[in-house]
Amino acid sequence: MSTVLSNFDTWKHFLSDRVSQAKNMGLTEETISNLAYEIGSFLDEKVDPKNDEESVLKQLWDVGDESERKAIASCMVKLVDHS
């Protein structure tokens, strides 16, 4: 996982692939966003940011409440879905 996280573009590509797989499996947008939220929570607790973009996301995550964190996760899904 650390190799994937070392470069933000690599992370976005990895996440994009996972979102595509989830859609192909029939998961809804809401379910995918909820999973992204859970992944974000895990990364926040267990992984140090590896680059400037991840540092900004962590700072936003840390100051946000639950609904704001869910919005960040949803926006990340939209970002990689439209890349």
PDB file of N, CA and C in Angstrom:
ATOM      1  N   MET A   1       0.830  -1.197   0.000  1.00  0.00           N
ATOM      2  CA  MET A   1       0.000   0.000   0.000  1.00  0.00           C
ATOM      3  C   MET A   1       0.869   1.253   0.000  1.00  0.00           C
ATOM      4  N   SER A   2       2.020   1.208   0.702  1.00  0.00           N
ATOM      5  CA  SER A   2       2.833   2.422   0.781  1.00  0.00           C
ATOM      6  C   SER A   2       3.352   2.851  -0.582  1.00  0.00           C
ATOM      7  N   THR A   3       3.607   1.911  -1.493  1.00  0.00           N
ATOM      8  CA  THR A   3       4.037   2.275  -2.836  1.00  0.00           C
ATOM      9  C   THR A   3       2.931   3.029  -3.562  1.00  0.00           C
ATOM     10  N   VAL A   4       1.713   2.590  -3.406  1.00  0.00           N
ATOM     11  CA  VAL A   4       0.566   3.249  -4.035  1.00  0.00           C
ATOM     12  C   VAL A   4       0.389   4.661  -3.484  1.00  0.00           C
ATOM     13  N   LEU A   5       0.658   4.842  -2.209  1.00  0.00           N
ATOM     14  CA  LEU A   5       0.433   6.130  -1.560  1.00  0.00           C
ATOM     15  C   LEU A   5       1.590   7.108  -1.727  1.00  0.00           C
ATOM     16  N   SER A   6       2.724   6.654  -2.233  1.00  0.00           N
ATOM     17  CA  SER A   6       3.895   7.534  -2.306  1.00  0.00           C
ATOM     18  C   SER A   6       3.729   8.648  -3.350  1.00  0.00           C
ATOM     19  N   ASN A   7       2.895   8.422  -4.339  1.00  0.00           N
ATOM     20  CA  ASN A   7       2.666   9.407  -5.396  1.00  0.00           C
ATOM     21  C   ASN A   7       1.159   9.611  -5.535  1.00  0.00           C
ATOM     22  N   PHE A   8       0.705  10.860  -5.499  1.00  0.00           N
ATOM     23  CA  PHE A   8      -0.738  11.126  -5.498  1.00  0.00           C
ATOM     24  C   PHE A   8      -1.412  10.666  -6.791  1.00  0.00           C
ATOM     25  N   ASP A   9      -0.743  10.835  -7.932  1.00  0.00           N
ATOM     26  CA  ASP A   9      -1.332  10.369  -9.196  1.00  0.00           C
ATOM     27  C   ASP A   9      -1.467   8.854  -9.214  1.00  0.00           C
ATOM     28  N   THR A  10      -0.494   8.165  -8.638  1.00  0.00           N
ATOM     29  CA  THR A  10      -0.583   6.702  -8.534  1.00  0.00           C
ATOM     30  C   THR A  10      -1.745   6.304  -7.642  1.00  0.00           C
ATOM     31  N   TRP A  11      -1.919   7.022  -6.529  1.00  0.00           N
ATOM     32  CA  TRP A  11      -3.040   6.770  -5.621  1.00  0.00           C
ATOM     33  C   TRP A  11      -4.374   6.988  -6.329  1.00  0.00           C
ATOM     34  N   LYS A  12      -4.487   8.086  -7.080  1.00  0.00           N
ATOM     35  CA  LYS A  12      -5.733   8.361  -7.801  1.00  0.00           C
ATOM     36  C   LYS A  12      -6.017   7.266  -8.825  1.00  0.00           C
ATOM     37  N   HIS A  13      -5.001   6.802  -9.526  1.00  0.00           N
ATOM     38  CA  HIS A  13      -5.190   5.731 -10.514  1.00  0.00           C
ATOM     39  C   HIS A  13      -5.640   4.443  -9.813  1.00  0.00           C
ATOM     40  N   PHE A  14      -4.997   4.117  -8.705  1.00  0.00           N
ATOM     41  CA  PHE A  14      -5.365   2.937  -7.926  1.00  0.00           C
ATOM     42  C   PHE A  14      -6.816   3.034  -7.460  1.00  0.00           C
ATOM     43  N   LEU A  15      -7.181   4.195  -6.905  1.00  0.00           N
ATOM     44  CA  LEU A  15      -8.549   4.402  -6.422  1.00  0.00           C
ATOM     45  C   LEU A  15      -9.549   4.346  -7.571  1.00  0.00           C
ATOM     46  N   SER A  16      -9.187   4.912  -8.711  1.00  0.00           N
ATOM     47  CA  SER A  16     -10.051   4.877  -9.890  1.00  0.00           C
ATOM     48  C   SER A  16     -10.331   3.438 -10.315  1.00  0.00           C
ATOM     49  N   ASP A  17      -9.296   2.614 -10.315  1.00  0.00           N
ATOM     50  CA  ASP A  17      -9.479   1.191 -10.658  1.00  0.00           C
ATOM     51  C   ASP A  17     -10.429   0.512  -9.674  1.00  0.00           C
ATOM     52  N   ARG A  18     -10.277   0.811  -8.380  1.00  0.00           N
ATOM     53  CA  ARG A  18     -11.140   0.188  -7.371  1.00  0.00           C
ATOM     54  C   ARG A  18     -12.589   0.661  -7.514  1.00  0.00           C
ATOM     55  N   VAL A  19     -12.783   1.934  -7.834  1.00  0.00           N
ATOM     56  CA  VAL A  19     -14.137   2.460  -8.034  1.00  0.00           C
ATOM     57  C   VAL A  19     -14.778   1.783  -9.242  1.00  0.00           C
ATOM     58  N   SER A  20     -14.030   1.630 -10.317  1.00  0.00           N
ATOM     59  CA  SER A  20     -14.550   0.946 -11.513  1.00  0.00           C
ATOM     60  C   SER A  20     -14.934  -0.493 -11.199  1.00  0.00           C
ATOM     61  N   GLN A  21     -14.094  -1.180 -10.445  1.00  0.00           N
ATOM     62  CA  GLN A  21     -14.401  -2.564 -10.061  1.00  0.00           C
ATOM     63  C   GLN A  21     -15.679  -2.614  -9.225  1.00  0.00           C
ATOM     64  N   ALA A  22     -15.808  -1.685  -8.299  1.00  0.00           N
ATOM     65  CA  ALA A  22     -16.994  -1.664  -7.438  1.00  0.00           C
ATOM     66  C   ALA A  22     -18.258  -1.428  -8.261  1.00  0.00           C
ATOM     67  N   LYS A  23     -18.182  -0.513  -9.235  1.00  0.00           N
ATOM     68  CA  LYS A  23     -19.343  -0.251 -10.090  1.00  0.00           C
ATOM     69  C   LYS A  23     -19.684  -1.474 -10.926  1.00  0.00           C
ATOM     70  N   ASN A  24     -18.649  -2.151 -11.438  1.00  0.00           N
ATOM     71  CA  ASN A  24     -18.879  -3.363 -12.231  1.00  0.00           C
ATOM     72  C   ASN A  24     -19.498  -4.478 -11.400  1.00  0.00           C
ATOM     73  N   MET A  25     -19.257  -4.442 -10.094  1.00  0.00           N
ATOM     74  CA  MET A  25     -19.854  -5.432  -9.195  1.00  0.00           C
ATOM     75  C   MET A  25     -21.279  -5.059  -8.816  1.00  0.00           C
ATOM     76  N   GLY A  26     -21.716  -3.862  -9.234  1.00  0.00           N
ATOM     77  CA  GLY A  26     -23.081  -3.443  -8.962  1.00  0.00           C
ATOM     78  C   GLY A  26     -23.261  -2.620  -7.698  1.00  0.00           C
ATOM     79  N   LEU A  27     -22.165  -2.177  -7.069  1.00  0.00           N
ATOM     80  CA  LEU A  27     -22.291  -1.348  -5.882  1.00  0.00           C
ATOM     81  C   LEU A  27     -22.820   0.032  -6.270  1.00  0.00           C
ATOM     82  N   THR A  28     -23.648   0.589  -5.412  1.00  0.00           N
ATOM     83  CA  THR A  28     -24.224   1.916  -5.659  1.00  0.00           C
ATOM     84  C   THR A  28     -23.192   3.003  -5.346  1.00  0.00           C
ATOM     85  N   GLU A  29     -23.462   4.208  -5.830  1.00  0.00           N
ATOM     86  CA  GLU A  29     -22.596   5.351  -5.542  1.00  0.00           C
ATOM     87  C   GLU A  29     -22.507   5.578  -4.031  1.00  0.00           C
ATOM     88  N   GLU A  30     -23.633   5.442  -3.363  1.00  0.00           N
ATOM     89  CA  GLU A  30     -23.663   5.641  -1.916  1.00  0.00           C
ATOM     90  C   GLU A  30     -22.777   4.631  -1.201  1.00  0.00           C
ATOM     91  N   THR A  31     -22.857   3.373  -1.612  1.00  0.00           N
ATOM     92  CA  THR A  31     -22.035   2.328  -1.007  1.00  0.00           C
ATOM     93  C   THR A  31     -20.555   2.588  -1.264  1.00  0.00           C
ATOM     94  N   ILE A  32     -20.235   2.996  -2.474  1.00  0.00           N
ATOM     95  CA  ILE A  32     -18.841   3.298  -2.822  1.00  0.00           C
ATOM     96  C   ILE A  32     -18.335   4.469  -1.990  1.00  0.00           C
ATOM     97  N   SER A  33     -19.137   5.497  -1.837  1.00  0.00           N
ATOM     98  CA  SER A  33     -18.746   6.645  -1.021  1.00  0.00           C
ATOM     99  C   SER A  33     -18.567   6.255   0.443  1.00  0.00           C
ATOM    100  N   ASN A  34     -19.440   5.379   0.934  1.00  0.00           N
ATOM    101  CA  ASN A  34     -19.305   4.905   2.317  1.00  0.00           C
ATOM    102  C   ASN A  34     -18.011   4.118   2.500  1.00  0.00           C
ATOM    103  N   LEU A  35     -17.674   3.302   1.511  1.00  0.00           N
ATOM    104  CA  LEU A  35     -16.411   2.559   1.569  1.00  0.00           C
ATOM    105  C   LEU A  35     -15.224   3.518   1.525  1.00  0.00           C
ATOM    106  N   ALA A  36     -15.318   4.552   0.709  1.00  0.00           N
ATOM    107  CA  ALA A  36     -14.249   5.553   0.633  1.00  0.00           C
ATOM    108  C   ALA A  36     -14.080   6.246   1.982  1.00  0.00           C
ATOM    109  N   TYR A  37     -15.177   6.503   2.661  1.00  0.00           N
ATOM    110  CA  TYR A  37     -15.127   7.104   3.995  1.00  0.00           C
ATOM    111  C   TYR A  37     -14.395   6.180   4.968  1.00  0.00           C
ATOM    112  N   GLU A  38     -14.716   4.893   4.919  1.00  0.00           N
ATOM    113  CA  GLU A  38     -14.056   3.923   5.799  1.00  0.00           C
ATOM    114  C   GLU A  38     -12.561   3.846   5.494  1.00  0.00           C
ATOM    115  N   ILE A  39     -12.202   3.866   4.226  1.00  0.00           N
ATOM    116  CA  ILE A  39     -10.789   3.849   3.836  1.00  0.00           C
ATOM    117  C   ILE A  39     -10.108   5.118   4.329  1.00  0.00           C
ATOM    118  N   GLY A  40     -10.765   6.258   4.169  1.00  0.00           N
ATOM    119  CA  GLY A  40     -10.220   7.515   4.655  1.00  0.00           C
ATOM    120  C   GLY A  40      -9.973   7.483   6.157  1.00  0.00           C
ATOM    121  N   SER A  41     -10.901   6.910   6.892  1.00  0.00           N
ATOM    122  CA  SER A  41     -10.740   6.794   8.345  1.00  0.00           C
ATOM    123  C   SER A  41      -9.549   5.914   8.696  1.00  0.00           C
ATOM    124  N   PHE A  42      -9.419   4.812   7.979  1.00  0.00           N
ATOM    125  CA  PHE A  42      -8.281   3.913   8.202  1.00  0.00           C
ATOM    126  C   PHE A  42      -6.966   4.631   7.911  1.00  0.00           C
ATOM    127  N   LEU A  43      -6.892   5.291   6.756  1.00  0.00           N
ATOM    128  CA  LEU A  43      -5.661   5.990   6.384  1.00  0.00           C
ATOM    129  C   LEU A  43      -5.325   7.078   7.394  1.00  0.00           C
ATOM    130  N   ASP A  44      -6.337   7.801   7.866  1.00  0.00           N
ATOM    131  CA  ASP A  44      -6.119   8.863   8.843  1.00  0.00           C
ATOM    132  C   ASP A  44      -5.483   8.312  10.119  1.00  0.00           C
ATOM    133  N   GLU A  45      -5.953   7.152  10.548  1.00  0.00           N
ATOM    134  CA  GLU A  45      -5.488   6.577  11.809  1.00  0.00           C
ATOM    135  C   GLU A  45      -4.166   5.829  11.674  1.00  0.00           C
ATOM    136  N   LYS A  46      -3.912   5.222  10.520  1.00  0.00           N
ATOM    137  CA  LYS A  46      -2.805   4.267  10.416  1.00  0.00           C
ATOM    138  C   LYS A  46      -1.662   4.670   9.491  1.00  0.00           C
ATOM    139  N   VAL A  47      -1.858   5.656   8.620  1.00  0.00           N
ATOM    140  CA  VAL A  47      -0.863   5.944   7.590  1.00  0.00           C
ATOM    141  C   VAL A  47      -0.486   7.425   7.623  1.00  0.00           C
ATOM    142  N   ASP A  48       0.807   7.680   7.644  1.00  0.00           N
ATOM    143  CA  ASP A  48       1.286   9.061   7.565  1.00  0.00           C
ATOM    144  C   ASP A  48       1.240   9.532   6.122  1.00  0.00           C
ATOM    145  N   PRO A  49       0.892  10.804   5.892  1.00  0.00           N
ATOM    146  CA  PRO A  49       0.880  11.341   4.525  1.00  0.00           C
ATOM    147  C   PRO A  49       2.258  11.206   3.872  1.00  0.00           C
ATOM    148  N   LYS A  50       2.255  10.854   2.583  1.00  0.00           N
ATOM    149  CA  LYS A  50       3.507  10.633   1.861  1.00  0.00           C
ATOM    150  C   LYS A  50       3.855  11.781   0.916  1.00  0.00           C
ATOM    151  N   ASN A  51       2.941  12.734   0.742  1.00  0.00           N
ATOM    152  CA  ASN A  51       3.193  13.832  -0.184  1.00  0.00           C
ATOM    153  C   ASN A  51       2.326  15.031   0.217  1.00  0.00           C
ATOM    154  N   ASP A  52       2.529  16.137  -0.466  1.00  0.00           N
ATOM    155  CA  ASP A  52       1.809  17.371  -0.118  1.00  0.00           C
ATOM    156  C   ASP A  52       0.299  17.223  -0.232  1.00  0.00           C
ATOM    157  N   GLU A  53      -0.167  16.559  -1.279  1.00  0.00           N
ATOM    158  CA  GLU A  53      -1.615  16.405  -1.484  1.00  0.00           C
ATOM    159  C   GLU A  53      -2.242  15.609  -0.334  1.00  0.00           C
ATOM    160  N   GLU A  54      -1.581  14.543   0.065  1.00  0.00           N
ATOM    161  CA  GLU A  54      -2.098  13.740   1.174  1.00  0.00           C
ATOM    162  C   GLU A  54      -2.062  14.522   2.482  1.00  0.00           C
ATOM    163  N   SER A  55      -1.054  15.380   2.649  1.00  0.00           N
ATOM    164  CA  SER A  55      -0.982  16.216   3.853  1.00  0.00           C
ATOM    165  C   SER A  55      -2.170  17.171   3.921  1.00  0.00           C
ATOM    166  N   VAL A  56      -2.527  17.761   2.788  1.00  0.00           N
ATOM    167  CA  VAL A  56      -3.687  18.659   2.754  1.00  0.00           C
ATOM    168  C   VAL A  56      -4.968  17.875   3.056  1.00  0.00           C
ATOM    169  N   LEU A  57      -5.121  16.714   2.432  1.00  0.00           N
ATOM    170  CA  LEU A  57      -6.312  15.905   2.697  1.00  0.00           C
ATOM    171  C   LEU A  57      -6.402  15.525   4.174  1.00  0.00           C
ATOM    172  N   LYS A  58      -5.270  15.158   4.782  1.00  0.00           N
ATOM    173  CA  LYS A  58      -5.276  14.797   6.202  1.00  0.00           C
ATOM    174  C   LYS A  58      -5.672  15.991   7.065  1.00  0.00           C
ATOM    175  N   GLN A  59      -5.141  17.176   6.736  1.00  0.00           N
ATOM    176  CA  GLN A  59      -5.509  18.366   7.510  1.00  0.00           C
ATOM    177  C   GLN A  59      -7.001  18.653   7.400  1.00  0.00           C
ATOM    178  N   LEU A  60      -7.546  18.534   6.199  1.00  0.00           N
ATOM    179  CA  LEU A  60      -8.987  18.735   6.016  1.00  0.00           C
ATOM    180  C   LEU A  60      -9.777  17.682   6.786  1.00  0.00           C
ATOM    181  N   TRP A  61      -9.335  16.428   6.687  1.00  0.00           N
ATOM    182  CA  TRP A  61      -9.997  15.318   7.378  1.00  0.00           C
ATOM    183  C   TRP A  61     -10.002  15.576   8.882  1.00  0.00           C
ATOM    184  N   ASP A  62      -8.860  16.007   9.404  1.00  0.00           N
ATOM    185  CA  ASP A  62      -8.719  16.199  10.849  1.00  0.00           C
ATOM    186  C   ASP A  62      -9.607  17.316  11.387  1.00  0.00           C
ATOM    187  N   VAL A  63      -9.857  18.358  10.609  1.00  0.00           N
ATOM    188  CA  VAL A  63     -10.703  19.455  11.104  1.00  0.00           C
ATOM    189  C   VAL A  63     -12.183  19.238  10.795  1.00  0.00           C
ATOM    190  N   GLY A  64     -12.479  18.285   9.921  1.00  0.00           N
ATOM    191  CA  GLY A  64     -13.867  18.055   9.538  1.00  0.00           C
ATOM    192  C   GLY A  64     -14.620  17.190  10.526  1.00  0.00           C
ATOM    193  N   ASP A  65     -15.941  17.415  10.581  1.00  0.00           N
ATOM    194  CA  ASP A  65     -16.776  16.497  11.351  1.00  0.00           C
ATOM    195  C   ASP A  65     -17.153  15.324  10.445  1.00  0.00           C
ATOM    196  N   GLU A  66     -17.981  14.418  10.937  1.00  0.00           N
ATOM    197  CA  GLU A  66     -18.305  13.213  10.179  1.00  0.00           C
ATOM    198  C   GLU A  66     -18.909  13.522   8.811  1.00  0.00           C
ATOM    199  N   SER A  67     -19.848  14.455   8.758  1.00  0.00           N
ATOM    200  CA  SER A  67     -20.491  14.757   7.475  1.00  0.00           C
ATOM    201  C   SER A  67     -19.500  15.398   6.508  1.00  0.00           C
ATOM    202  N   GLU A  68     -18.596  16.217   7.020  1.00  0.00           N
ATOM    203  CA  GLU A  68     -17.590  16.830   6.160  1.00  0.00           C
ATOM    204  C   GLU A  68     -16.587  15.789   5.660  1.00  0.00           C
ATOM    205  N   ARG A  69     -16.242  14.842   6.512  1.00  0.00           N
ATOM    206  CA  ARG A  69     -15.353  13.757   6.092  1.00  0.00           C
ATOM    207  C   ARG A  69     -16.014  12.892   5.024  1.00  0.00           C
ATOM    208  N   LYS A  70     -17.307  12.650   5.188  1.00  0.00           N
ATOM    209  CA  LYS A  70     -18.024  11.890   4.161  1.00  0.00           C
ATOM    210  C   LYS A  70     -18.047  12.652   2.845  1.00  0.00           C
ATOM    211  N   ALA A  71     -18.153  13.978   2.922  1.00  0.00           N
ATOM    212  CA  ALA A  71     -18.122  14.806   1.710  1.00  0.00           C
ATOM    213  C   ALA A  71     -16.750  14.726   1.046  1.00  0.00           C
ATOM    214  N   ILE A  72     -15.685  14.748   1.837  1.00  0.00           N
ATOM    215  CA  ILE A  72     -14.333  14.608   1.283  1.00  0.00           C
ATOM    216  C   ILE A  72     -14.199  13.264   0.570  1.00  0.00           C
ATOM    217  N   ALA A  73     -14.662  12.208   1.211  1.00  0.00           N
ATOM    218  CA  ALA A  73     -14.582  10.872   0.613  1.00  0.00           C
ATOM    219  C   ALA A  73     -15.379  10.817  -0.683  1.00  0.00           C
ATOM    220  N   SER A  74     -16.570  11.390  -0.674  1.00  0.00           N
ATOM    221  CA  SER A  74     -17.404  11.412  -1.873  1.00  0.00           C
ATOM    222  C   SER A  74     -16.735  12.200  -2.993  1.00  0.00           C
ATOM    223  N   CYS A  75     -16.125  13.313  -2.642  1.00  0.00           N
ATOM    224  CA  CYS A  75     -15.422  14.123  -3.650  1.00  0.00           C
ATOM    225  C   CYS A  75     -14.224  13.375  -4.224  1.00  0.00           C
ATOM    226  N   MET A  76     -13.528  12.615  -3.403  1.00  0.00           N
ATOM    227  CA  MET A  76     -12.401  11.818  -3.919  1.00  0.00           C
ATOM    228  C   MET A  76     -12.899  10.780  -4.925  1.00  0.00           C
ATOM    229  N   VAL A  77     -14.035  10.166  -4.635  1.00  0.00           N
ATOM    230  CA  VAL A  77     -14.612   9.196  -5.568  1.00  0.00           C
ATOM    231  C   VAL A  77     -14.964   9.900  -6.878  1.00  0.00           C
ATOM    232  N   LYS A  78     -15.589  11.060  -6.784  1.00  0.00           N
ATOM    233  CA  LYS A  78     -15.936  11.807  -7.998  1.00  0.00           C
ATOM    234  C   LYS A  78     -14.685  12.238  -8.754  1.00  0.00           C
ATOM    235  N   LEU A  79     -13.663  12.655  -8.038  1.00  0.00           N
ATOM    236  CA  LEU A  79     -12.419  13.074  -8.671  1.00  0.00           C
ATOM    237  C   LEU A  79     -11.825  11.962  -9.521  1.00  0.00           C
ATOM    238  N   VAL A  80     -11.724  10.770  -8.951  1.00  0.00           N
ATOM    239  CA  VAL A  80     -11.093   9.672  -9.697  1.00  0.00           C
ATOM    240  C   VAL A  80     -12.048   9.087 -10.733  1.00  0.00           C
ATOM    241  N   ASP A  81     -13.331   9.253 -10.522  1.00  0.00           N
ATOM    242  CA  ASP A  81     -14.316   8.748 -11.488  1.00  0.00           C
ATOM    243  C   ASP A  81     -14.334   9.573 -12.759  1.00  0.00           C
ATOM    244  N   HIS A  82     -13.920  10.835 -12.659  1.00  0.00           N
ATOM    245  CA  HIS A  82     -13.927  11.724 -13.810  1.00  0.00           C
ATOM    246  C   HIS A  82     -12.533  11.994 -14.355  1.00  0.00           C
ATOM    247  N   SER A  83     -11.564  11.193 -13.930  1.00  0.00           N
ATOM    248  CA  SER A  83     -10.181  11.369 -14.395  1.00  0.00           C
ATOM    249  C   SER A  83      -9.946  10.612 -15.676  1.00  0.00           C
TER     250      SER A  83
END
